[in-house]
Amino acid sequence: MDKEDYKKILLASFFGVGLTMFAFFKGLSLTTPISASVMMVTSPIMVLLFSSILIRSTTEKRRILEVFIGLLGAILLITFGSSSNANNKIVAGAIF
């Protein structure tokens, strides 16, 4: 590897990891706990669904059960979570 490659890797790691994590935590601070929980639960579910559709990977019964449990948890959070008038906060957090 060249010294020039190390500079590219350092720059890519900053934007790929550092900036992404900063935006993630900033978004969490701008949203409600329930919305953040729903986003955290649905992200891996969406990755699994998209991978099974786009890559046509086989989905095991165990993974289908995990997706169902995750969706059930998200539904419970939405249904029984505290409802406050924080619509502006939810939108601001979802943008980040």
PDB file of N, CA and C in Angstrom:
ATOM      1  N   MET A   1       0.840  -1.185   0.000  1.00  0.00           N
ATOM      2  CA  MET A   1       0.000   0.000   0.000  1.00  0.00           C
ATOM      3  C   MET A   1       0.880   1.241   0.000  1.00  0.00           C
ATOM      4  N   ASP A   2       0.379   2.205  -0.687  1.00  0.00           N
ATOM      5  CA  ASP A   2       1.076   3.482  -0.811  1.00  0.00           C
ATOM      6  C   ASP A   2       0.699   4.405   0.347  1.00  0.00           C
ATOM      7  N   LYS A   3       1.508   5.398   0.618  1.00  0.00           N
ATOM      8  CA  LYS A   3       1.147   6.392   1.639  1.00  0.00           C
ATOM      9  C   LYS A   3      -0.106   7.147   1.228  1.00  0.00           C
ATOM     10  N   GLU A   4      -0.294   7.312  -0.072  1.00  0.00           N
ATOM     11  CA  GLU A   4      -1.493   7.992  -0.582  1.00  0.00           C
ATOM     12  C   GLU A   4      -2.755   7.188  -0.252  1.00  0.00           C
ATOM     13  N   ASP A   5      -2.632   5.858  -0.243  1.00  0.00           N
ATOM     14  CA  ASP A   5      -3.772   5.006   0.101  1.00  0.00           C
ATOM     15  C   ASP A   5      -4.187   5.190   1.557  1.00  0.00           C
ATOM     16  N   TYR A   6      -3.218   5.366   2.446  1.00  0.00           N
ATOM     17  CA  TYR A   6      -3.543   5.569   3.856  1.00  0.00           C
ATOM     18  C   TYR A   6      -4.324   6.870   4.060  1.00  0.00           C
ATOM     19  N   LYS A   7      -3.977   7.888   3.304  1.00  0.00           N
ATOM     20  CA  LYS A   7      -4.712   9.150   3.399  1.00  0.00           C
ATOM     21  C   LYS A   7      -6.155   8.969   2.942  1.00  0.00           C
ATOM     22  N   LYS A   8      -6.344   8.220   1.867  1.00  0.00           N
ATOM     23  CA  LYS A   8      -7.697   7.955   1.362  1.00  0.00           C
ATOM     24  C   LYS A   8      -8.499   7.131   2.365  1.00  0.00           C
ATOM     25  N   ILE A   9      -7.862   6.137   2.968  1.00  0.00           N
ATOM     26  CA  ILE A   9      -8.546   5.304   3.966  1.00  0.00           C
ATOM     27  C   ILE A   9      -8.938   6.137   5.180  1.00  0.00           C
ATOM     28  N   LEU A  10      -8.049   7.017   5.633  1.00  0.00           N
ATOM     29  CA  LEU A  10      -8.348   7.872   6.769  1.00  0.00           C
ATOM     30  C   LEU A  10      -9.516   8.807   6.464  1.00  0.00           C
ATOM     31  N   LEU A  11      -9.519   9.386   5.288  1.00  0.00           N
ATOM     32  CA  LEU A  11     -10.604  10.279   4.892  1.00  0.00           C
ATOM     33  C   LEU A  11     -11.923   9.518   4.752  1.00  0.00           C
ATOM     34  N   ALA A  12     -11.873   8.343   4.149  1.00  0.00           N
ATOM     35  CA  ALA A  12     -13.076   7.533   3.984  1.00  0.00           C
ATOM     36  C   ALA A  12     -13.616   7.057   5.334  1.00  0.00           C
ATOM     37  N   SER A  13     -12.714   6.710   6.247  1.00  0.00           N
ATOM     38  CA  SER A  13     -13.177   6.259   7.564  1.00  0.00           C
ATOM     39  C   SER A  13     -13.821   7.399   8.338  1.00  0.00           C
ATOM     40  N   PHE A  14     -13.303   8.616   8.170  1.00  0.00           N
ATOM     41  CA  PHE A  14     -13.927   9.752   8.853  1.00  0.00           C
ATOM     42  C   PHE A  14     -15.338   9.976   8.347  1.00  0.00           C
ATOM     43  N   PHE A  15     -15.512  10.013   7.047  1.00  0.00           N
ATOM     44  CA  PHE A  15     -16.836  10.275   6.501  1.00  0.00           C
ATOM     45  C   PHE A  15     -17.743   9.056   6.596  1.00  0.00           C
ATOM     46  N   GLY A  16     -17.183   7.879   6.511  1.00  0.00           N
ATOM     47  CA  GLY A  16     -17.998   6.675   6.564  1.00  0.00           C
ATOM     48  C   GLY A  16     -18.431   6.292   7.953  1.00  0.00           C
ATOM     49  N   VAL A  17     -17.604   6.555   8.932  1.00  0.00           N
ATOM     50  CA  VAL A  17     -17.923   6.142  10.300  1.00  0.00           C
ATOM     51  C   VAL A  17     -18.165   7.355  11.196  1.00  0.00           C
ATOM     52  N   GLY A  18     -17.212   8.239  11.268  1.00  0.00           N
ATOM     53  CA  GLY A  18     -17.298   9.368  12.200  1.00  0.00           C
ATOM     54  C   GLY A  18     -18.463  10.294  11.930  1.00  0.00           C
ATOM     55  N   LEU A  19     -18.598  10.722  10.702  1.00  0.00           N
ATOM     56  CA  LEU A  19     -19.676  11.645  10.357  1.00  0.00           C
ATOM     57  C   LEU A  19     -21.039  10.966  10.457  1.00  0.00           C
ATOM     58  N   THR A  20     -21.091   9.712  10.066  1.00  0.00           N
ATOM     59  CA  THR A  20     -22.348   8.975  10.156  1.00  0.00           C
ATOM     60  C   THR A  20     -22.796   8.811  11.607  1.00  0.00           C
ATOM     61  N   MET A  21     -21.864   8.460  12.485  1.00  0.00           N
ATOM     62  CA  MET A  21     -22.216   8.296  13.893  1.00  0.00           C
ATOM     63  C   MET A  21     -22.598   9.629  14.529  1.00  0.00           C
ATOM     64  N   PHE A  22     -21.921  10.703  14.151  1.00  0.00           N
ATOM     65  CA  PHE A  22     -22.286  12.019  14.658  1.00  0.00           C
ATOM     66  C   PHE A  22     -23.714  12.368  14.253  1.00  0.00           C
ATOM     67  N   ALA A  23     -24.049  12.153  12.991  1.00  0.00           N
ATOM     68  CA  ALA A  23     -25.403  12.445  12.523  1.00  0.00           C
ATOM     69  C   ALA A  23     -26.428  11.551  13.219  1.00  0.00           C
ATOM     70  N   PHE A  24     -26.059  10.293  13.476  1.00  0.00           N
ATOM     71  CA  PHE A  24     -26.966   9.370  14.160  1.00  0.00           C
ATOM     72  C   PHE A  24     -27.265   9.842  15.578  1.00  0.00           C
ATOM     73  N   PHE A  25     -26.224  10.182  16.332  1.00  0.00           N
ATOM     74  CA  PHE A  25     -26.438  10.617  17.715  1.00  0.00           C
ATOM     75  C   PHE A  25     -27.118  11.976  17.778  1.00  0.00           C
ATOM     76  N   LYS A  26     -26.830  12.854  16.842  1.00  0.00           N
ATOM     77  CA  LYS A  26     -27.521  14.143  16.795  1.00  0.00           C
ATOM     78  C   LYS A  26     -29.004  13.924  16.503  1.00  0.00           C
ATOM     79  N   GLY A  27     -29.308  13.015  15.599  1.00  0.00           N
ATOM     80  CA  GLY A  27     -30.705  12.688  15.302  1.00  0.00           C
ATOM     81  C   GLY A  27     -31.415  12.084  16.502  1.00  0.00           C
ATOM     82  N   LEU A  28     -30.719  11.244  17.265  1.00  0.00           N
ATOM     83  CA  LEU A  28     -31.327  10.673  18.467  1.00  0.00           C
ATOM     84  C   LEU A  28     -31.651  11.745  19.502  1.00  0.00           C
ATOM     85  N   SER A  29     -30.788  12.750  19.597  1.00  0.00           N
ATOM     86  CA  SER A  29     -31.048  13.805  20.580  1.00  0.00           C
ATOM     87  C   SER A  29     -32.201  14.709  20.150  1.00  0.00           C
ATOM     88  N   LEU A  30     -32.544  14.684  18.878  1.00  0.00           N
ATOM     89  CA  LEU A  30     -33.620  15.543  18.375  1.00  0.00           C
ATOM     90  C   LEU A  30     -34.959  14.820  18.238  1.00  0.00           C
ATOM     91  N   THR A  31     -35.029  13.595  18.653  1.00  0.00           N
ATOM     92  CA  THR A  31     -36.268  12.846  18.506  1.00  0.00           C
ATOM     93  C   THR A  31     -36.732  12.313  19.853  1.00  0.00           C
ATOM     94  N   THR A  32     -37.902  11.747  19.881  1.00  0.00           N
ATOM     95  CA  THR A  32     -38.435  11.176  21.125  1.00  0.00           C
ATOM     96  C   THR A  32     -37.865   9.772  21.323  1.00  0.00           C
ATOM     97  N   PRO A  33     -37.839   9.279  22.542  1.00  0.00           N
ATOM     98  CA  PRO A  33     -37.306   7.938  22.794  1.00  0.00           C
ATOM     99  C   PRO A  33     -38.065   6.833  22.053  1.00  0.00           C
ATOM    100  N   ILE A  34     -39.362   6.979  21.924  1.00  0.00           N
ATOM    101  CA  ILE A  34     -40.142   5.949  21.237  1.00  0.00           C
ATOM    102  C   ILE A  34     -39.808   5.919  19.758  1.00  0.00           C
ATOM    103  N   SER A  35     -39.708   7.085  19.127  1.00  0.00           N
ATOM    104  CA  SER A  35     -39.358   7.118  17.711  1.00  0.00           C
ATOM    105  C   SER A  35     -37.958   6.574  17.477  1.00  0.00           C
ATOM    106  N   ALA A  36     -37.040   6.888  18.368  1.00  0.00           N
ATOM    107  CA  ALA A  36     -35.678   6.362  18.245  1.00  0.00           C
ATOM    108  C   ALA A  36     -35.676   4.843  18.379  1.00  0.00           C
ATOM    109  N   SER A  37     -36.474   4.321  19.292  1.00  0.00           N
ATOM    110  CA  SER A  37     -36.548   2.869  19.468  1.00  0.00           C
ATOM    111  C   SER A  37     -37.126   2.193  18.243  1.00  0.00           C
ATOM    112  N   VAL A  38     -38.143   2.791  17.672  1.00  0.00           N
ATOM    113  CA  VAL A  38     -38.749   2.214  16.474  1.00  0.00           C
ATOM    114  C   VAL A  38     -37.753   2.231  15.316  1.00  0.00           C
ATOM    115  N   MET A  39     -36.996   3.314  15.184  1.00  0.00           N
ATOM    116  CA  MET A  39     -35.993   3.379  14.119  1.00  0.00           C
ATOM    117  C   MET A  39     -34.902   2.335  14.323  1.00  0.00           C
ATOM    118  N   MET A  40     -34.480   2.139  15.581  1.00  0.00           N
ATOM    119  CA  MET A  40     -33.436   1.162  15.870  1.00  0.00           C
ATOM    120  C   MET A  40     -33.912  -0.261  15.582  1.00  0.00           C
ATOM    121  N   VAL A  41     -35.203  -0.522  15.802  1.00  0.00           N
ATOM    122  CA  VAL A  41     -35.736  -1.862  15.569  1.00  0.00           C
ATOM    123  C   VAL A  41     -35.955  -2.103  14.080  1.00  0.00           C
ATOM    124  N   THR A  42     -36.428  -1.104  13.368  1.00  0.00           N
ATOM    125  CA  THR A  42     -36.776  -1.329  11.968  1.00  0.00           C
ATOM    126  C   THR A  42     -35.572  -1.343  11.031  1.00  0.00           C
ATOM    127  N   SER A  43     -34.457  -0.760  11.414  1.00  0.00           N
ATOM    128  CA  SER A  43     -33.283  -0.740  10.523  1.00  0.00           C
ATOM    129  C   SER A  43     -32.787  -2.146  10.164  1.00  0.00           C
ATOM    130  N   PRO A  44     -32.515  -3.025  11.125  1.00  0.00           N
ATOM    131  CA  PRO A  44     -32.079  -4.378  10.741  1.00  0.00           C
ATOM    132  C   PRO A  44     -33.162  -5.162  10.014  1.00  0.00           C
ATOM    133  N   ILE A  45     -34.413  -4.892  10.343  1.00  0.00           N
ATOM    134  CA  ILE A  45     -35.513  -5.574   9.659  1.00  0.00           C
ATOM    135  C   ILE A  45     -35.530  -5.190   8.187  1.00  0.00           C
ATOM    136  N   MET A  46     -35.351  -3.903   7.909  1.00  0.00           N
ATOM    137  CA  MET A  46     -35.342  -3.448   6.521  1.00  0.00           C
ATOM    138  C   MET A  46     -34.141  -4.018   5.766  1.00  0.00           C
ATOM    139  N   VAL A  47     -32.989  -4.109   6.419  1.00  0.00           N
ATOM    140  CA  VAL A  47     -31.811  -4.690   5.769  1.00  0.00           C
ATOM    141  C   VAL A  47     -32.074  -6.148   5.416  1.00  0.00           C
ATOM    142  N   LEU A  48     -32.674  -6.890   6.319  1.00  0.00           N
ATOM    143  CA  LEU A  48     -32.984  -8.297   6.053  1.00  0.00           C
ATOM    144  C   LEU A  48     -33.975  -8.426   4.907  1.00  0.00           C
ATOM    145  N   LEU A  49     -35.015  -7.609   4.907  1.00  0.00           N
ATOM    146  CA  LEU A  49     -36.010  -7.688   3.842  1.00  0.00           C
ATOM    147  C   LEU A  49     -35.421  -7.291   2.486  1.00  0.00           C
ATOM    148  N   PHE A  50     -34.653  -6.217   2.457  1.00  0.00           N
ATOM    149  CA  PHE A  50     -34.048  -5.790   1.197  1.00  0.00           C
ATOM    150  C   PHE A  50     -33.032  -6.813   0.683  1.00  0.00           C
ATOM    151  N   SER A  51     -32.277  -7.434   1.592  1.00  0.00           N
ATOM    152  CA  SER A  51     -31.311  -8.435   1.144  1.00  0.00           C
ATOM    153  C   SER A  51     -32.020  -9.659   0.573  1.00  0.00           C
ATOM    154  N   SER A  52     -33.140 -10.022   1.164  1.00  0.00           N
ATOM    155  CA  SER A  52     -33.859 -11.181   0.622  1.00  0.00           C
ATOM    156  C   SER A  52     -34.513 -10.856  -0.714  1.00  0.00           C
ATOM    157  N   ILE A  53     -34.872  -9.591  -0.930  1.00  0.00           N
ATOM    158  CA  ILE A  53     -35.492  -9.206  -2.200  1.00  0.00           C
ATOM    159  C   ILE A  53     -34.441  -8.941  -3.271  1.00  0.00           C
ATOM    160  N   LEU A  54     -33.452  -8.108  -2.963  1.00  0.00           N
ATOM    161  CA  LEU A  54     -32.475  -7.694  -3.967  1.00  0.00           C
ATOM    162  C   LEU A  54     -31.442  -8.762  -4.287  1.00  0.00           C
ATOM    163  N   ILE A  55     -30.932  -9.425  -3.265  1.00  0.00           N
ATOM    164  CA  ILE A  55     -29.895 -10.433  -3.479  1.00  0.00           C
ATOM    165  C   ILE A  55     -30.510 -11.809  -3.686  1.00  0.00           C
ATOM    166  N   ARG A  56     -31.770 -11.920  -3.384  1.00  0.00           N
ATOM    167  CA  ARG A  56     -32.495 -13.191  -3.464  1.00  0.00           C
ATOM    168  C   ARG A  56     -31.877 -14.247  -2.549  1.00  0.00           C
ATOM    169  N   SER A  57     -31.487 -13.793  -1.368  1.00  0.00           N
ATOM    170  CA  SER A  57     -30.938 -14.734  -0.399  1.00  0.00           C
ATOM    171  C   SER A  57     -32.084 -15.463   0.296  1.00  0.00           C
ATOM    172  N   THR A  58     -31.808 -16.681   0.680  1.00  0.00           N
ATOM    173  CA  THR A  58     -32.845 -17.456   1.357  1.00  0.00           C
ATOM    174  C   THR A  58     -32.973 -16.980   2.793  1.00  0.00           C
ATOM    175  N   THR A  59     -34.204 -16.910   3.245  1.00  0.00           N
ATOM    176  CA  THR A  59     -34.475 -16.464   4.603  1.00  0.00           C
ATOM    177  C   THR A  59     -34.908 -17.663   5.435  1.00  0.00           C
ATOM    178  N   GLU A  60     -34.179 -17.903   6.511  1.00  0.00           N
ATOM    179  CA  GLU A  60     -34.474 -19.036   7.381  1.00  0.00           C
ATOM    180  C   GLU A  60     -35.694 -18.738   8.245  1.00  0.00           C
ATOM    181  N   LYS A  61     -36.298 -19.791   8.767  1.00  0.00           N
ATOM    182  CA  LYS A  61     -37.467 -19.630   9.643  1.00  0.00           C
ATOM    183  C   LYS A  61     -37.107 -18.835  10.894  1.00  0.00           C
ATOM    184  N   ARG A  62     -35.894 -19.035  11.382  1.00  0.00           N
ATOM    185  CA  ARG A  62     -35.452 -18.312  12.583  1.00  0.00           C
ATOM    186  C   ARG A  62     -35.420 -16.808  12.322  1.00  0.00           C
ATOM    187  N   ARG A  63     -34.928 -16.410  11.165  1.00  0.00           N
ATOM    188  CA  ARG A  63     -34.864 -14.984  10.841  1.00  0.00           C
ATOM    189  C   ARG A  63     -36.249 -14.396  10.649  1.00  0.00           C
ATOM    190  N   ILE A  64     -37.148 -15.169  10.078  1.00  0.00           N
ATOM    191  CA  ILE A  64     -38.526 -14.695   9.939  1.00  0.00           C
ATOM    192  C   ILE A  64     -39.132 -14.478  11.316  1.00  0.00           C
ATOM    193  N   LEU A  65     -38.855 -15.369  12.257  1.00  0.00           N
ATOM    194  CA  LEU A  65     -39.328 -15.215  13.627  1.00  0.00           C
ATOM    195  C   LEU A  65     -38.726 -13.976  14.276  1.00  0.00           C
ATOM    196  N   GLU A  66     -37.439 -13.731  14.036  1.00  0.00           N
ATOM    197  CA  GLU A  66     -36.785 -12.538  14.584  1.00  0.00           C
ATOM    198  C   GLU A  66     -37.401 -11.258  14.032  1.00  0.00           C
ATOM    199  N   VAL A  67     -37.702 -11.243  12.737  1.00  0.00           N
ATOM    200  CA  VAL A  67     -38.348 -10.073  12.131  1.00  0.00           C
ATOM    201  C   VAL A  67     -39.723  -9.868  12.743  1.00  0.00           C
ATOM    202  N   PHE A  68     -40.463 -10.939  12.938  1.00  0.00           N
ATOM    203  CA  PHE A  68     -41.797 -10.840  13.530  1.00  0.00           C
ATOM    204  C   PHE A  68     -41.718 -10.300  14.957  1.00  0.00           C
ATOM    205  N   ILE A  69     -40.767 -10.773  15.747  1.00  0.00           N
ATOM    206  CA  ILE A  69     -40.614 -10.289  17.120  1.00  0.00           C
ATOM    207  C   ILE A  69     -40.227  -8.810  17.125  1.00  0.00           C
ATOM    208  N   GLY A  70     -39.341  -8.415  16.216  1.00  0.00           N
ATOM    209  CA  GLY A  70     -38.956  -7.006  16.112  1.00  0.00           C
ATOM    210  C   GLY A  70     -40.129  -6.123  15.730  1.00  0.00           C
ATOM    211  N   LEU A  71     -40.915  -6.567  14.765  1.00  0.00           N
ATOM    212  CA  LEU A  71     -42.097  -5.790  14.378  1.00  0.00           C
ATOM    213  C   LEU A  71     -43.112  -5.718  15.510  1.00  0.00           C
ATOM    214  N   LEU A  72     -43.273  -6.803  16.230  1.00  0.00           N
ATOM    215  CA  LEU A  72     -44.183  -6.816  17.376  1.00  0.00           C
ATOM    216  C   LEU A  72     -43.719  -5.816  18.437  1.00  0.00           C
ATOM    217  N   GLY A  73     -42.419  -5.778  18.688  1.00  0.00           N
ATOM    218  CA  GLY A  73     -41.882  -4.809  19.651  1.00  0.00           C
ATOM    219  C   GLY A  73     -42.105  -3.378  19.201  1.00  0.00           C
ATOM    220  N   ALA A  74     -41.915  -3.101  17.910  1.00  0.00           N
ATOM    221  CA  ALA A  74     -42.139  -1.756  17.390  1.00  0.00           C
ATOM    222  C   ALA A  74     -43.617  -1.367  17.501  1.00  0.00           C
ATOM    223  N   ILE A  75     -44.485  -2.306  17.217  1.00  0.00           N
ATOM    224  CA  ILE A  75     -45.924  -2.029  17.329  1.00  0.00           C
ATOM    225  C   ILE A  75     -46.301  -1.750  18.777  1.00  0.00           C
ATOM    226  N   LEU A  76     -45.726  -2.510  19.712  1.00  0.00           N
ATOM    227  CA  LEU A  76     -46.004  -2.275  21.133  1.00  0.00           C
ATOM    228  C   LEU A  76     -45.503  -0.905  21.582  1.00  0.00           C
ATOM    229  N   LEU A  77     -44.320  -0.515  21.098  1.00  0.00           N
ATOM    230  CA  LEU A  77     -43.804   0.809  21.449  1.00  0.00           C
ATOM    231  C   LEU A  77     -44.702   1.922  20.922  1.00  0.00           C
ATOM    232  N   ILE A  78     -45.162   1.774  19.705  1.00  0.00           N
ATOM    233  CA  ILE A  78     -46.025   2.796  19.121  1.00  0.00           C
ATOM    234  C   ILE A  78     -47.375   2.838  19.827  1.00  0.00           C
ATOM    235  N   THR A  79     -47.910   1.659  20.130  1.00  0.00           N
ATOM    236  CA  THR A  79     -49.248   1.586  20.724  1.00  0.00           C
ATOM    237  C   THR A  79     -49.269   2.047  22.180  1.00  0.00           C
ATOM    238  N   PHE A  80     -48.339   1.563  22.977  1.00  0.00           N
ATOM    239  CA  PHE A  80     -48.387   1.834  24.409  1.00  0.00           C
ATOM    240  C   PHE A  80     -47.379   2.876  24.879  1.00  0.00           C
ATOM    241  N   GLY A  81     -46.677   3.496  23.968  1.00  0.00           N
ATOM    242  CA  GLY A  81     -45.710   4.532  24.341  1.00  0.00           C
ATOM    243  C   GLY A  81     -46.422   5.799  24.751  1.00  0.00           C
ATOM    244  N   SER A  82     -45.702   6.655  25.447  1.00  0.00           N
ATOM    245  CA  SER A  82     -46.308   7.912  25.883  1.00  0.00           C
ATOM    246  C   SER A  82     -46.562   8.785  24.671  1.00  0.00           C
ATOM    247  N   SER A  83     -47.739   9.327  24.610  1.00  0.00           N
ATOM    248  CA  SER A  83     -48.081  10.188  23.477  1.00  0.00           C
ATOM    249  C   SER A  83     -48.018  11.634  23.942  1.00  0.00           C
ATOM    250  N   SER A  84     -47.052  12.348  23.418  1.00  0.00           N
ATOM    251  CA  SER A  84     -46.917  13.758  23.733  1.00  0.00           C
ATOM    252  C   SER A  84     -46.932  14.533  22.433  1.00  0.00           C
ATOM    253  N   ASN A  85     -47.105  15.808  22.518  1.00  0.00           N
ATOM    254  CA  ASN A  85     -47.120  16.642  21.331  1.00  0.00           C
ATOM    255  C   ASN A  85     -45.690  17.007  20.957  1.00  0.00           C
ATOM    256  N   ALA A  86     -44.997  16.066  20.361  1.00  0.00           N
ATOM    257  CA  ALA A  86     -43.595  16.281  19.999  1.00  0.00           C
ATOM    258  C   ALA A  86     -43.384  16.044  18.516  1.00  0.00           C
ATOM    259  N   ASN A  87     -44.345  16.442  17.694  1.00  0.00           N
ATOM    260  CA  ASN A  87     -44.246  16.186  16.256  1.00  0.00           C
ATOM    261  C   ASN A  87     -43.052  16.889  15.629  1.00  0.00           C
ATOM    262  N   ASN A  88     -42.747  18.114  16.054  1.00  0.00           N
ATOM    263  CA  ASN A  88     -41.597  18.820  15.497  1.00  0.00           C
ATOM    264  C   ASN A  88     -40.298  18.116  15.858  1.00  0.00           C
ATOM    265  N   LYS A  89     -40.244  17.574  17.058  1.00  0.00           N
ATOM    266  CA  LYS A  89     -39.036  16.880  17.501  1.00  0.00           C
ATOM    267  C   LYS A  89     -38.849  15.576  16.717  1.00  0.00           C
ATOM    268  N   ILE A  90     -39.933  14.884  16.420  1.00  0.00           N
ATOM    269  CA  ILE A  90     -39.840  13.646  15.653  1.00  0.00           C
ATOM    270  C   ILE A  90     -39.322  13.920  14.256  1.00  0.00           C
ATOM    271  N   VAL A  91     -39.836  14.944  13.613  1.00  0.00           N
ATOM    272  CA  VAL A  91     -39.400  15.274  12.253  1.00  0.00           C
ATOM    273  C   VAL A  91     -37.945  15.707  12.247  1.00  0.00           C
ATOM    274  N   ALA A  92     -37.529  16.512  13.189  1.00  0.00           N
ATOM    275  CA  ALA A  92     -36.140  16.979  13.241  1.00  0.00           C
ATOM    276  C   ALA A  92     -35.187  15.801  13.449  1.00  0.00           C
ATOM    277  N   GLY A  93     -35.557  14.853  14.277  1.00  0.00           N
ATOM    278  CA  GLY A  93     -34.703  13.700  14.524  1.00  0.00           C
ATOM    279  C   GLY A  93     -34.654  12.757  13.344  1.00  0.00           C
ATOM    280  N   ALA A  94     -35.742  12.626  12.614  1.00  0.00           N
ATOM    281  CA  ALA A  94     -35.775  11.730  11.457  1.00  0.00           C
ATOM    282  C   ALA A  94     -34.958  12.291  10.290  1.00  0.00           C
ATOM    283  N   ILE A  95     -34.808  13.596  10.224  1.00  0.00           N
ATOM    284  CA  ILE A  95     -34.026  14.195   9.138  1.00  0.00           C
ATOM    285  C   ILE A  95     -32.559  13.815   9.272  1.00  0.00           C
ATOM    286  N   PHE A  96     -32.047  13.804  10.495  1.00  0.00           N
ATOM    287  CA  PHE A  96     -30.652  13.434  10.702  1.00  0.00           C
ATOM    288  C   PHE A  96     -30.504  11.957  10.549  1.00  0.00           C
TER     289      PHE A  96
END
